N, C-alpha and C. Protein backbone atom coordinates (compact mmCIF):
# COMPACT_ATOMS: atom_id res chain seq x y z
N MET A 1 1.05 -3.15 3.70
CA MET A 1 1.99 -3.74 4.65
C MET A 1 3.41 -3.31 4.31
N ARG A 2 4.14 -2.88 5.32
CA ARG A 2 5.53 -2.52 5.13
C ARG A 2 6.43 -3.71 5.44
N THR A 3 7.58 -3.74 4.79
CA THR A 3 8.48 -4.88 4.93
C THR A 3 9.90 -4.42 5.25
N ILE A 4 10.48 -5.04 6.27
CA ILE A 4 11.86 -4.80 6.68
C ILE A 4 12.65 -6.08 6.46
N ALA A 5 13.83 -5.97 5.91
CA ALA A 5 14.72 -7.13 5.76
C ALA A 5 16.02 -6.87 6.50
N PHE A 6 16.41 -7.80 7.36
CA PHE A 6 17.72 -7.74 8.02
C PHE A 6 18.69 -8.51 7.15
N VAL A 7 19.68 -7.80 6.61
CA VAL A 7 20.61 -8.42 5.66
C VAL A 7 22.05 -8.05 5.99
N THR A 8 22.91 -9.01 5.91
CA THR A 8 24.35 -8.80 5.93
C THR A 8 25.02 -10.13 5.66
N GLN A 9 26.16 -10.09 5.01
CA GLN A 9 26.87 -11.32 4.69
C GLN A 9 27.92 -11.65 5.73
N LYS A 10 27.84 -11.01 6.88
CA LYS A 10 28.79 -11.26 7.96
C LYS A 10 28.06 -11.97 9.10
N GLY A 11 28.51 -13.17 9.44
CA GLY A 11 27.90 -13.89 10.55
C GLY A 11 28.20 -13.22 11.88
N GLY A 12 27.31 -13.41 12.84
CA GLY A 12 27.53 -12.89 14.18
C GLY A 12 27.20 -11.43 14.37
N ALA A 13 26.60 -10.80 13.35
CA ALA A 13 26.29 -9.37 13.45
C ALA A 13 25.04 -9.10 14.28
N GLY A 14 24.24 -10.13 14.51
CA GLY A 14 23.06 -9.96 15.36
C GLY A 14 21.75 -9.79 14.62
N LYS A 15 21.67 -10.30 13.39
CA LYS A 15 20.43 -10.14 12.60
C LYS A 15 19.22 -10.73 13.32
N THR A 16 19.35 -11.96 13.76
CA THR A 16 18.20 -12.64 14.37
C THR A 16 17.78 -11.99 15.67
N THR A 17 18.75 -11.64 16.51
CA THR A 17 18.42 -10.98 17.78
C THR A 17 17.70 -9.67 17.53
N LEU A 18 18.18 -8.89 16.57
CA LEU A 18 17.54 -7.61 16.27
C LEU A 18 16.17 -7.81 15.61
N ALA A 19 16.06 -8.82 14.74
CA ALA A 19 14.76 -9.09 14.11
C ALA A 19 13.71 -9.44 15.16
N ALA A 20 14.07 -10.29 16.11
CA ALA A 20 13.15 -10.66 17.18
C ALA A 20 12.83 -9.45 18.07
N THR A 21 13.85 -8.70 18.39
CA THR A 21 13.69 -7.52 19.25
C THR A 21 12.74 -6.52 18.63
N ILE A 22 12.95 -6.21 17.36
CA ILE A 22 12.13 -5.21 16.68
C ILE A 22 10.71 -5.73 16.44
N ALA A 23 10.58 -7.02 16.18
CA ALA A 23 9.24 -7.59 15.99
C ALA A 23 8.38 -7.37 17.24
N VAL A 24 8.95 -7.64 18.40
CA VAL A 24 8.19 -7.47 19.65
C VAL A 24 7.95 -5.99 19.94
N ALA A 25 8.97 -5.16 19.74
CA ALA A 25 8.81 -3.73 20.00
C ALA A 25 7.73 -3.13 19.09
N ALA A 26 7.66 -3.60 17.85
CA ALA A 26 6.64 -3.10 16.93
C ALA A 26 5.24 -3.54 17.35
N VAL A 27 5.11 -4.78 17.81
CA VAL A 27 3.82 -5.27 18.30
C VAL A 27 3.33 -4.38 19.45
N GLU A 28 4.25 -3.98 20.30
CA GLU A 28 3.88 -3.18 21.47
C GLU A 28 3.39 -1.79 21.10
N THR A 29 3.65 -1.36 19.86
CA THR A 29 3.14 -0.05 19.41
C THR A 29 1.92 -0.20 18.51
N GLY A 30 1.38 -1.41 18.43
CA GLY A 30 0.13 -1.61 17.71
C GLY A 30 0.24 -2.23 16.33
N GLU A 31 1.44 -2.56 15.90
CA GLU A 31 1.59 -3.20 14.60
C GLU A 31 1.18 -4.68 14.68
N LYS A 32 0.59 -5.17 13.59
CA LYS A 32 0.34 -6.60 13.47
C LYS A 32 1.50 -7.18 12.66
N VAL A 33 2.36 -7.93 13.32
CA VAL A 33 3.68 -8.28 12.77
C VAL A 33 3.76 -9.76 12.40
N ILE A 34 4.32 -10.00 11.22
CA ILE A 34 4.74 -11.35 10.82
C ILE A 34 6.26 -11.33 10.70
N ALA A 35 6.92 -12.22 11.41
CA ALA A 35 8.38 -12.35 11.33
C ALA A 35 8.68 -13.63 10.57
N LEU A 36 9.33 -13.50 9.42
CA LEU A 36 9.60 -14.65 8.55
C LEU A 36 11.08 -15.00 8.57
N ASP A 37 11.38 -16.24 8.85
CA ASP A 37 12.76 -16.73 8.87
C ASP A 37 13.10 -17.26 7.48
N LEU A 38 14.06 -16.60 6.80
CA LEU A 38 14.51 -17.04 5.48
C LEU A 38 15.88 -17.69 5.55
N ASP A 39 16.40 -17.84 6.75
CA ASP A 39 17.73 -18.41 6.96
C ASP A 39 17.61 -19.91 7.20
N PRO A 40 18.31 -20.75 6.42
CA PRO A 40 18.24 -22.19 6.64
C PRO A 40 18.62 -22.63 8.06
N GLN A 41 19.38 -21.80 8.78
CA GLN A 41 19.72 -22.15 10.16
C GLN A 41 18.49 -22.16 11.07
N GLY A 42 17.48 -21.38 10.72
CA GLY A 42 16.21 -21.43 11.44
C GLY A 42 16.20 -20.86 12.84
N SER A 43 17.10 -19.93 13.16
CA SER A 43 17.19 -19.41 14.53
C SER A 43 15.96 -18.60 14.92
N LEU A 44 15.44 -17.78 14.00
CA LEU A 44 14.26 -16.98 14.33
C LEU A 44 13.04 -17.87 14.51
N ALA A 45 12.90 -18.87 13.65
CA ALA A 45 11.77 -19.80 13.78
C ALA A 45 11.84 -20.56 15.11
N ALA A 46 13.06 -20.94 15.52
CA ALA A 46 13.23 -21.63 16.80
C ALA A 46 12.82 -20.73 17.96
N TRP A 47 13.19 -19.44 17.85
CA TRP A 47 12.77 -18.47 18.87
C TRP A 47 11.24 -18.39 18.91
N GLY A 48 10.62 -18.37 17.74
CA GLY A 48 9.16 -18.32 17.69
C GLY A 48 8.52 -19.54 18.34
N ASN A 49 9.14 -20.70 18.15
CA ASN A 49 8.61 -21.93 18.75
C ASN A 49 8.71 -21.91 20.27
N ASP A 50 9.67 -21.14 20.79
CA ASP A 50 9.85 -21.06 22.25
C ASP A 50 8.91 -20.07 22.91
N ARG A 51 8.20 -19.28 22.11
CA ARG A 51 7.37 -18.22 22.67
C ARG A 51 6.02 -18.74 23.18
N ASP A 52 5.53 -18.06 24.22
CA ASP A 52 4.19 -18.32 24.74
C ASP A 52 3.19 -17.29 24.20
N ALA A 53 3.67 -16.09 23.90
CA ALA A 53 2.78 -15.02 23.43
C ALA A 53 2.31 -15.30 22.01
N ASP A 54 1.13 -14.80 21.69
CA ASP A 54 0.56 -15.02 20.36
C ASP A 54 1.17 -14.13 19.29
N ALA A 55 1.65 -12.96 19.70
CA ALA A 55 2.21 -12.00 18.73
C ALA A 55 3.64 -11.64 19.13
N PRO A 56 4.50 -11.43 18.15
CA PRO A 56 4.24 -11.48 16.71
C PRO A 56 4.08 -12.91 16.22
N THR A 57 3.46 -13.06 15.05
CA THR A 57 3.43 -14.35 14.38
C THR A 57 4.82 -14.62 13.80
N VAL A 58 5.32 -15.82 14.03
CA VAL A 58 6.66 -16.19 13.53
C VAL A 58 6.53 -17.44 12.69
N ASP A 59 7.14 -17.41 11.52
CA ASP A 59 7.09 -18.57 10.63
C ASP A 59 8.38 -18.61 9.81
N SER A 60 8.58 -19.69 9.11
CA SER A 60 9.74 -19.81 8.22
C SER A 60 9.25 -20.05 6.80
N LEU A 61 10.09 -19.69 5.85
CA LEU A 61 9.76 -19.91 4.45
C LEU A 61 10.73 -20.96 3.92
N PRO A 62 10.26 -22.15 3.61
CA PRO A 62 11.14 -23.21 3.11
C PRO A 62 11.87 -22.79 1.84
N SER A 63 13.03 -23.37 1.64
CA SER A 63 13.86 -22.98 0.50
C SER A 63 13.15 -23.20 -0.83
N ASP A 64 12.24 -24.19 -0.90
CA ASP A 64 11.55 -24.43 -2.16
C ASP A 64 10.38 -23.46 -2.38
N LYS A 65 10.17 -22.56 -1.43
CA LYS A 65 9.09 -21.57 -1.54
C LYS A 65 9.61 -20.14 -1.68
N VAL A 66 10.93 -19.95 -1.62
CA VAL A 66 11.47 -18.60 -1.59
C VAL A 66 11.13 -17.80 -2.85
N THR A 67 11.01 -18.48 -3.97
CA THR A 67 10.68 -17.76 -5.20
C THR A 67 9.26 -17.20 -5.16
N GLN A 68 8.48 -17.64 -4.20
CA GLN A 68 7.11 -17.16 -4.05
C GLN A 68 6.98 -16.08 -2.97
N LEU A 69 8.12 -15.50 -2.56
CA LEU A 69 8.11 -14.54 -1.46
C LEU A 69 7.13 -13.39 -1.71
N ALA A 70 7.14 -12.83 -2.89
CA ALA A 70 6.25 -11.70 -3.19
C ALA A 70 4.79 -12.09 -3.01
N GLN A 71 4.44 -13.29 -3.48
CA GLN A 71 3.06 -13.75 -3.34
C GLN A 71 2.72 -14.02 -1.87
N VAL A 72 3.68 -14.57 -1.14
CA VAL A 72 3.47 -14.83 0.29
C VAL A 72 3.20 -13.52 1.03
N LEU A 73 4.00 -12.50 0.75
CA LEU A 73 3.83 -11.21 1.41
C LEU A 73 2.48 -10.58 1.05
N ALA A 74 2.08 -10.71 -0.20
CA ALA A 74 0.79 -10.17 -0.62
C ALA A 74 -0.36 -10.86 0.12
N ALA A 75 -0.24 -12.16 0.30
CA ALA A 75 -1.28 -12.92 1.01
C ALA A 75 -1.32 -12.52 2.49
N LEU A 76 -0.16 -12.27 3.07
CA LEU A 76 -0.10 -11.86 4.48
C LEU A 76 -0.73 -10.48 4.67
N GLU A 77 -0.51 -9.61 3.70
CA GLU A 77 -1.12 -8.28 3.78
C GLU A 77 -2.65 -8.39 3.76
N LYS A 78 -3.17 -9.30 2.94
CA LYS A 78 -4.61 -9.49 2.88
C LYS A 78 -5.16 -10.03 4.20
N LYS A 79 -4.31 -10.69 4.97
CA LYS A 79 -4.74 -11.21 6.28
C LYS A 79 -4.68 -10.14 7.37
N GLY A 80 -4.25 -8.94 7.01
CA GLY A 80 -4.27 -7.85 7.98
C GLY A 80 -2.95 -7.51 8.63
N PHE A 81 -1.89 -8.19 8.23
CA PHE A 81 -0.59 -7.85 8.80
C PHE A 81 -0.16 -6.46 8.30
N THR A 82 0.43 -5.68 9.19
CA THR A 82 0.87 -4.33 8.82
C THR A 82 2.38 -4.22 8.67
N LEU A 83 3.10 -5.21 9.20
CA LEU A 83 4.56 -5.17 9.14
C LEU A 83 5.11 -6.58 8.99
N ALA A 84 5.99 -6.77 8.00
CA ALA A 84 6.71 -8.03 7.82
C ALA A 84 8.19 -7.79 8.12
N ILE A 85 8.77 -8.68 8.90
CA ILE A 85 10.20 -8.61 9.22
C ILE A 85 10.84 -9.88 8.69
N LEU A 86 11.83 -9.72 7.81
CA LEU A 86 12.49 -10.85 7.16
C LEU A 86 13.89 -11.01 7.72
N ASP A 87 14.18 -12.17 8.27
CA ASP A 87 15.51 -12.48 8.78
C ASP A 87 16.22 -13.31 7.72
N CYS A 88 17.19 -12.72 7.05
CA CYS A 88 17.81 -13.35 5.88
C CYS A 88 19.08 -14.12 6.24
N ALA A 89 19.45 -15.02 5.34
CA ALA A 89 20.68 -15.80 5.53
C ALA A 89 21.90 -14.89 5.44
N GLY A 90 22.98 -15.31 6.09
CA GLY A 90 24.21 -14.52 6.09
C GLY A 90 25.10 -14.81 4.90
N ILE A 91 24.52 -15.21 3.80
CA ILE A 91 25.27 -15.49 2.58
C ILE A 91 24.48 -14.95 1.39
N VAL A 92 25.17 -14.78 0.27
CA VAL A 92 24.46 -14.41 -0.96
C VAL A 92 23.55 -15.57 -1.35
N SER A 93 22.29 -15.28 -1.56
CA SER A 93 21.34 -16.34 -1.89
C SER A 93 20.16 -15.76 -2.64
N THR A 94 19.41 -16.64 -3.28
CA THR A 94 18.20 -16.21 -3.97
C THR A 94 17.21 -15.59 -3.01
N SER A 95 17.05 -16.21 -1.84
CA SER A 95 16.07 -15.70 -0.88
C SER A 95 16.45 -14.31 -0.39
N THR A 96 17.74 -14.06 -0.18
CA THR A 96 18.17 -12.74 0.26
C THR A 96 17.92 -11.69 -0.80
N ASN A 97 18.23 -12.01 -2.05
CA ASN A 97 17.98 -11.06 -3.14
C ASN A 97 16.50 -10.76 -3.29
N LEU A 98 15.67 -11.77 -3.15
CA LEU A 98 14.22 -11.55 -3.24
C LEU A 98 13.72 -10.72 -2.06
N ALA A 99 14.30 -10.95 -0.88
CA ALA A 99 13.93 -10.16 0.29
C ALA A 99 14.31 -8.71 0.11
N ILE A 100 15.50 -8.48 -0.43
CA ILE A 100 15.95 -7.11 -0.69
C ILE A 100 14.99 -6.40 -1.64
N LYS A 101 14.57 -7.09 -2.68
CA LYS A 101 13.66 -6.50 -3.66
C LYS A 101 12.29 -6.20 -3.05
N ALA A 102 11.88 -7.05 -2.11
CA ALA A 102 10.55 -6.91 -1.52
C ALA A 102 10.50 -5.87 -0.40
N ALA A 103 11.65 -5.56 0.18
CA ALA A 103 11.68 -4.75 1.39
C ALA A 103 11.52 -3.26 1.10
N ASP A 104 10.81 -2.58 1.98
CA ASP A 104 10.75 -1.13 1.96
C ASP A 104 12.03 -0.54 2.56
N LEU A 105 12.64 -1.29 3.47
CA LEU A 105 13.87 -0.85 4.11
C LEU A 105 14.70 -2.07 4.47
N CYS A 106 15.96 -2.06 4.05
CA CYS A 106 16.89 -3.12 4.43
C CYS A 106 17.79 -2.60 5.54
N LEU A 107 17.97 -3.40 6.57
CA LEU A 107 18.79 -3.02 7.71
C LEU A 107 20.03 -3.89 7.76
N ILE A 108 21.18 -3.24 7.92
CA ILE A 108 22.47 -3.93 7.94
C ILE A 108 23.07 -3.80 9.33
N PRO A 109 22.93 -4.82 10.18
CA PRO A 109 23.60 -4.76 11.48
C PRO A 109 25.10 -5.02 11.31
N THR A 110 25.90 -4.31 12.07
CA THR A 110 27.34 -4.57 12.08
C THR A 110 27.92 -4.25 13.44
N ARG A 111 28.91 -5.02 13.83
CA ARG A 111 29.62 -4.72 15.07
C ARG A 111 30.63 -3.60 14.81
N PRO A 112 31.07 -2.89 15.85
CA PRO A 112 31.92 -1.72 15.68
C PRO A 112 33.40 -2.05 15.51
N THR A 113 33.71 -2.88 14.52
CA THR A 113 35.10 -3.18 14.22
C THR A 113 35.34 -2.95 12.73
N ARG A 114 36.57 -2.64 12.36
CA ARG A 114 36.89 -2.40 10.96
C ARG A 114 36.62 -3.65 10.13
N LEU A 115 36.94 -4.82 10.69
CA LEU A 115 36.72 -6.07 9.97
C LEU A 115 35.24 -6.26 9.65
N ASP A 116 34.38 -6.00 10.63
CA ASP A 116 32.94 -6.18 10.43
C ASP A 116 32.39 -5.16 9.44
N ILE A 117 32.83 -3.92 9.57
CA ILE A 117 32.34 -2.89 8.66
C ILE A 117 32.80 -3.16 7.23
N ARG A 118 34.05 -3.60 7.09
CA ARG A 118 34.57 -3.94 5.77
C ARG A 118 33.75 -5.08 5.16
N ALA A 119 33.30 -6.00 6.00
CA ALA A 119 32.55 -7.16 5.51
C ALA A 119 31.16 -6.79 5.02
N THR A 120 30.69 -5.58 5.32
CA THR A 120 29.37 -5.17 4.83
C THR A 120 29.40 -4.72 3.37
N LYS A 121 30.57 -4.51 2.81
CA LYS A 121 30.65 -3.92 1.47
C LYS A 121 29.95 -4.75 0.39
N PRO A 122 30.09 -6.09 0.38
CA PRO A 122 29.33 -6.85 -0.63
C PRO A 122 27.82 -6.67 -0.49
N THR A 123 27.35 -6.58 0.76
CA THR A 123 25.92 -6.35 0.97
C THR A 123 25.51 -4.98 0.44
N ILE A 124 26.32 -3.97 0.71
CA ILE A 124 26.03 -2.62 0.23
C ILE A 124 25.99 -2.60 -1.29
N GLN A 125 26.94 -3.28 -1.91
CA GLN A 125 26.97 -3.31 -3.38
C GLN A 125 25.71 -3.96 -3.94
N ALA A 126 25.27 -5.05 -3.30
CA ALA A 126 24.05 -5.72 -3.76
C ALA A 126 22.84 -4.81 -3.60
N LEU A 127 22.77 -4.10 -2.47
CA LEU A 127 21.64 -3.20 -2.22
C LEU A 127 21.63 -2.04 -3.22
N MET A 128 22.80 -1.51 -3.51
CA MET A 128 22.87 -0.39 -4.44
C MET A 128 22.54 -0.83 -5.86
N SER A 129 22.97 -2.04 -6.22
CA SER A 129 22.67 -2.53 -7.57
C SER A 129 21.17 -2.75 -7.76
N LEU A 130 20.49 -3.09 -6.66
CA LEU A 130 19.04 -3.29 -6.72
C LEU A 130 18.27 -2.02 -6.37
N LYS A 131 19.01 -0.93 -6.14
CA LYS A 131 18.41 0.38 -5.84
C LYS A 131 17.47 0.29 -4.63
N SER A 132 17.95 -0.40 -3.60
CA SER A 132 17.14 -0.61 -2.40
C SER A 132 17.51 0.40 -1.32
N SER A 133 16.51 0.79 -0.56
CA SER A 133 16.74 1.69 0.58
C SER A 133 17.33 0.89 1.73
N PHE A 134 18.38 1.43 2.35
CA PHE A 134 19.02 0.69 3.44
C PHE A 134 19.57 1.64 4.49
N ALA A 135 19.80 1.07 5.67
CA ALA A 135 20.41 1.82 6.77
C ALA A 135 21.19 0.83 7.63
N PHE A 136 22.18 1.36 8.33
CA PHE A 136 23.01 0.54 9.22
C PHE A 136 22.49 0.60 10.65
N ILE A 137 22.73 -0.49 11.37
CA ILE A 137 22.55 -0.50 12.82
C ILE A 137 23.88 -0.91 13.43
N LEU A 138 24.45 -0.06 14.24
CA LEU A 138 25.70 -0.38 14.91
C LEU A 138 25.35 -1.19 16.15
N ASN A 139 25.74 -2.46 16.15
CA ASN A 139 25.28 -3.42 17.14
C ASN A 139 26.44 -3.95 17.98
N GLN A 140 26.08 -4.41 19.18
CA GLN A 140 27.05 -5.03 20.09
C GLN A 140 28.20 -4.07 20.43
N CYS A 141 27.84 -2.83 20.67
CA CYS A 141 28.83 -1.82 21.08
C CYS A 141 29.16 -1.99 22.56
N PRO A 142 30.36 -1.58 22.97
CA PRO A 142 30.68 -1.59 24.41
C PRO A 142 29.67 -0.74 25.16
N PRO A 143 29.11 -1.25 26.26
CA PRO A 143 28.07 -0.50 26.97
C PRO A 143 28.58 0.75 27.68
N THR A 144 29.89 0.84 27.85
CA THR A 144 30.48 2.02 28.47
C THR A 144 31.63 2.52 27.60
N HIS A 145 31.99 3.76 27.81
CA HIS A 145 33.10 4.36 27.07
C HIS A 145 32.89 4.24 25.56
N ARG A 146 31.76 4.73 25.09
CA ARG A 146 31.42 4.59 23.68
C ARG A 146 32.16 5.58 22.78
N GLY A 147 32.95 6.43 23.36
CA GLY A 147 33.54 7.49 22.56
C GLY A 147 34.57 7.02 21.56
N GLY A 148 35.21 5.87 21.80
CA GLY A 148 36.31 5.44 20.95
C GLY A 148 35.89 4.64 19.75
N ARG A 149 35.94 3.32 19.88
CA ARG A 149 35.71 2.45 18.74
C ARG A 149 34.33 2.62 18.13
N ALA A 150 33.31 2.73 18.98
CA ALA A 150 31.95 2.86 18.46
C ALA A 150 31.76 4.18 17.72
N ALA A 151 32.35 5.25 18.25
CA ALA A 151 32.23 6.56 17.59
C ALA A 151 32.95 6.55 16.25
N GLU A 152 34.11 5.91 16.21
CA GLU A 152 34.85 5.82 14.95
C GLU A 152 34.06 5.00 13.93
N ALA A 153 33.46 3.90 14.39
CA ALA A 153 32.66 3.06 13.50
C ALA A 153 31.44 3.82 12.99
N ALA A 154 30.80 4.58 13.88
CA ALA A 154 29.62 5.35 13.49
C ALA A 154 29.97 6.38 12.43
N GLU A 155 31.12 7.02 12.58
CA GLU A 155 31.54 8.01 11.60
C GLU A 155 31.77 7.35 10.24
N GLY A 156 32.42 6.18 10.24
CA GLY A 156 32.68 5.46 9.00
C GLY A 156 31.40 5.01 8.32
N LEU A 157 30.45 4.50 9.08
CA LEU A 157 29.19 4.03 8.51
C LEU A 157 28.37 5.19 7.96
N SER A 158 28.43 6.32 8.62
CA SER A 158 27.68 7.49 8.15
C SER A 158 28.14 7.93 6.77
N LEU A 159 29.41 7.65 6.45
CA LEU A 159 29.92 7.99 5.12
C LEU A 159 29.41 7.02 4.06
N LEU A 160 29.05 5.81 4.48
CA LEU A 160 28.58 4.79 3.55
C LEU A 160 27.07 4.84 3.33
N GLY A 161 26.36 5.38 4.28
CA GLY A 161 24.91 5.42 4.19
C GLY A 161 24.31 5.88 5.49
N ALA A 162 22.99 5.76 5.61
CA ALA A 162 22.30 6.20 6.82
C ALA A 162 22.63 5.29 8.00
N LEU A 163 22.81 5.88 9.15
CA LEU A 163 23.06 5.13 10.38
C LEU A 163 21.94 5.43 11.35
N LEU A 164 21.23 4.38 11.77
CA LEU A 164 20.12 4.56 12.70
C LEU A 164 20.63 4.65 14.13
N GLU A 165 20.00 5.49 14.89
CA GLU A 165 20.27 5.57 16.32
C GLU A 165 19.21 4.77 17.07
N PRO A 166 19.54 4.26 18.25
CA PRO A 166 20.80 4.43 18.95
C PRO A 166 21.82 3.38 18.56
N LYS A 167 23.05 3.56 19.00
CA LYS A 167 24.02 2.48 18.94
C LYS A 167 23.56 1.43 19.96
N VAL A 168 23.46 0.19 19.51
CA VAL A 168 22.92 -0.87 20.38
C VAL A 168 24.07 -1.51 21.15
N ALA A 169 23.97 -1.47 22.45
CA ALA A 169 25.06 -1.97 23.29
C ALA A 169 25.03 -3.48 23.42
N GLN A 170 26.16 -4.04 23.73
CA GLN A 170 26.25 -5.48 23.99
C GLN A 170 25.81 -5.70 25.43
N ARG A 171 24.58 -6.11 25.59
CA ARG A 171 24.00 -6.31 26.92
C ARG A 171 23.46 -7.73 27.03
N ALA A 172 23.61 -8.30 28.20
CA ALA A 172 23.16 -9.68 28.43
C ALA A 172 21.66 -9.83 28.22
N ASP A 173 20.91 -8.76 28.47
CA ASP A 173 19.44 -8.85 28.34
C ASP A 173 19.01 -9.26 26.94
N PHE A 174 19.74 -8.81 25.91
CA PHE A 174 19.35 -9.17 24.54
C PHE A 174 19.44 -10.68 24.33
N GLN A 175 20.56 -11.27 24.71
CA GLN A 175 20.74 -12.71 24.52
C GLN A 175 19.87 -13.52 25.46
N ASP A 176 19.72 -13.05 26.69
CA ASP A 176 18.89 -13.78 27.65
C ASP A 176 17.42 -13.77 27.20
N ALA A 177 16.98 -12.65 26.64
CA ALA A 177 15.61 -12.58 26.15
C ALA A 177 15.40 -13.56 25.00
N LEU A 178 16.34 -13.59 24.07
CA LEU A 178 16.23 -14.50 22.93
C LEU A 178 16.16 -15.95 23.42
N ALA A 179 17.00 -16.30 24.38
CA ALA A 179 17.02 -17.67 24.91
C ALA A 179 15.72 -18.02 25.61
N ALA A 180 15.04 -17.01 26.15
CA ALA A 180 13.78 -17.23 26.86
C ALA A 180 12.57 -17.18 25.93
N GLY A 181 12.81 -16.99 24.62
CA GLY A 181 11.70 -16.89 23.68
C GLY A 181 10.94 -15.59 23.81
N GLN A 182 11.67 -14.52 24.16
CA GLN A 182 11.04 -13.23 24.33
C GLN A 182 11.81 -12.14 23.59
N GLY A 183 11.17 -10.98 23.46
CA GLY A 183 11.88 -9.78 23.07
C GLY A 183 12.40 -9.11 24.32
N VAL A 184 13.41 -8.27 24.16
CA VAL A 184 14.01 -7.67 25.35
C VAL A 184 13.04 -6.72 26.06
N THR A 185 12.09 -6.16 25.33
CA THR A 185 11.11 -5.28 25.97
C THR A 185 10.09 -6.06 26.79
N GLU A 186 10.00 -7.36 26.56
CA GLU A 186 9.18 -8.24 27.40
C GLU A 186 10.00 -8.76 28.58
N TYR A 187 11.23 -9.13 28.28
CA TYR A 187 12.08 -9.81 29.26
C TYR A 187 12.52 -8.87 30.38
N ALA A 188 12.94 -7.68 30.02
CA ALA A 188 13.40 -6.70 31.01
C ALA A 188 12.88 -5.33 30.58
N PRO A 189 11.58 -5.10 30.73
CA PRO A 189 10.94 -3.92 30.13
C PRO A 189 11.46 -2.57 30.62
N HIS A 190 12.09 -2.54 31.78
CA HIS A 190 12.57 -1.28 32.32
C HIS A 190 14.09 -1.13 32.23
N GLY A 191 14.73 -2.05 31.51
CA GLY A 191 16.18 -2.02 31.39
C GLY A 191 16.67 -1.12 30.27
N LYS A 192 17.98 -0.91 30.26
CA LYS A 192 18.58 -0.07 29.21
C LYS A 192 18.46 -0.71 27.83
N ALA A 193 18.55 -2.03 27.77
CA ALA A 193 18.41 -2.70 26.48
C ALA A 193 17.02 -2.48 25.90
N ALA A 194 16.00 -2.53 26.75
CA ALA A 194 14.63 -2.29 26.30
C ALA A 194 14.46 -0.86 25.80
N ASP A 195 15.10 0.08 26.49
CA ASP A 195 15.04 1.48 26.05
C ASP A 195 15.66 1.62 24.65
N GLU A 196 16.79 0.96 24.44
CA GLU A 196 17.44 1.01 23.13
C GLU A 196 16.55 0.39 22.06
N ALA A 197 15.91 -0.73 22.39
CA ALA A 197 15.05 -1.42 21.42
C ALA A 197 13.88 -0.54 21.01
N ARG A 198 13.25 0.10 21.97
CA ARG A 198 12.10 0.95 21.66
C ARG A 198 12.51 2.14 20.80
N LEU A 199 13.65 2.76 21.13
CA LEU A 199 14.11 3.90 20.36
C LEU A 199 14.52 3.47 18.96
N LEU A 200 15.13 2.30 18.84
CA LEU A 200 15.51 1.81 17.52
C LEU A 200 14.28 1.58 16.66
N TRP A 201 13.26 0.93 17.21
CA TRP A 201 12.03 0.72 16.43
C TRP A 201 11.40 2.06 16.05
N LYS A 202 11.39 3.01 16.96
CA LYS A 202 10.84 4.34 16.66
C LYS A 202 11.54 4.97 15.46
N ASN A 203 12.86 4.85 15.41
CA ASN A 203 13.63 5.46 14.32
C ASN A 203 13.52 4.67 13.01
N ILE A 204 13.38 3.34 13.11
CA ILE A 204 13.12 2.53 11.92
C ILE A 204 11.77 2.94 11.32
N ASN A 205 10.77 3.02 12.19
CA ASN A 205 9.42 3.39 11.76
C ASN A 205 9.42 4.77 11.13
N ARG A 206 10.10 5.71 11.74
CA ARG A 206 10.18 7.07 11.22
C ARG A 206 10.85 7.10 9.86
N ARG A 207 11.91 6.30 9.70
CA ARG A 207 12.61 6.28 8.42
C ARG A 207 11.73 5.72 7.32
N MET A 208 10.96 4.66 7.62
CA MET A 208 10.07 4.11 6.60
C MET A 208 8.97 5.09 6.23
N LYS A 209 8.47 5.82 7.19
CA LYS A 209 7.41 6.80 6.92
C LYS A 209 7.95 7.96 6.10
N GLY A 210 9.27 8.22 6.24
CA GLY A 210 9.88 9.34 5.53
C GLY A 210 10.32 9.03 4.13
N LYS A 211 10.13 7.79 3.70
CA LYS A 211 10.57 7.40 2.35
C LYS A 211 9.76 8.14 1.28
């Protein structure tokens, strides 16, 4: 079983939305997915409770169980899951560090502003100290005229580490899908947001296979 962790110490970067989006996109390509909410806010678990579909499986890991994350993941693999997606808290925590250690790939979502990119540095330092594989996702980009701020942000992130394509635009479909208990590829399967989600999962999958 492969494991992805969405990590960043900056709130509002879109970890939960992307975790839900990628979980559904991965299911649609044949993965058996478990999405685990490690954030005390419980946003991913709440999204899971709103869903009607059986897959992906969504659950939360209580704070008193976080030290058992490795054992939990091993048990899930024995149940046949092929992909685990961990939605981590937006603060330095034991659960986040354990998720980083357990993950085959850590993903750092960030908005295309200098303030947001600067705020990723503590996360990068933690990932490098733990010798973890990571990549950035440039999220909530302007849907039009991407040449300016988003391009500048992409160039800066590329200097810090790998940047996954595509740049994810700020589209209403992402938030509307989350509110409806769906992934964007379910909610608006023929929309631009769904196209971005599918391509992002394709590139995440390719990067993990290339490790």
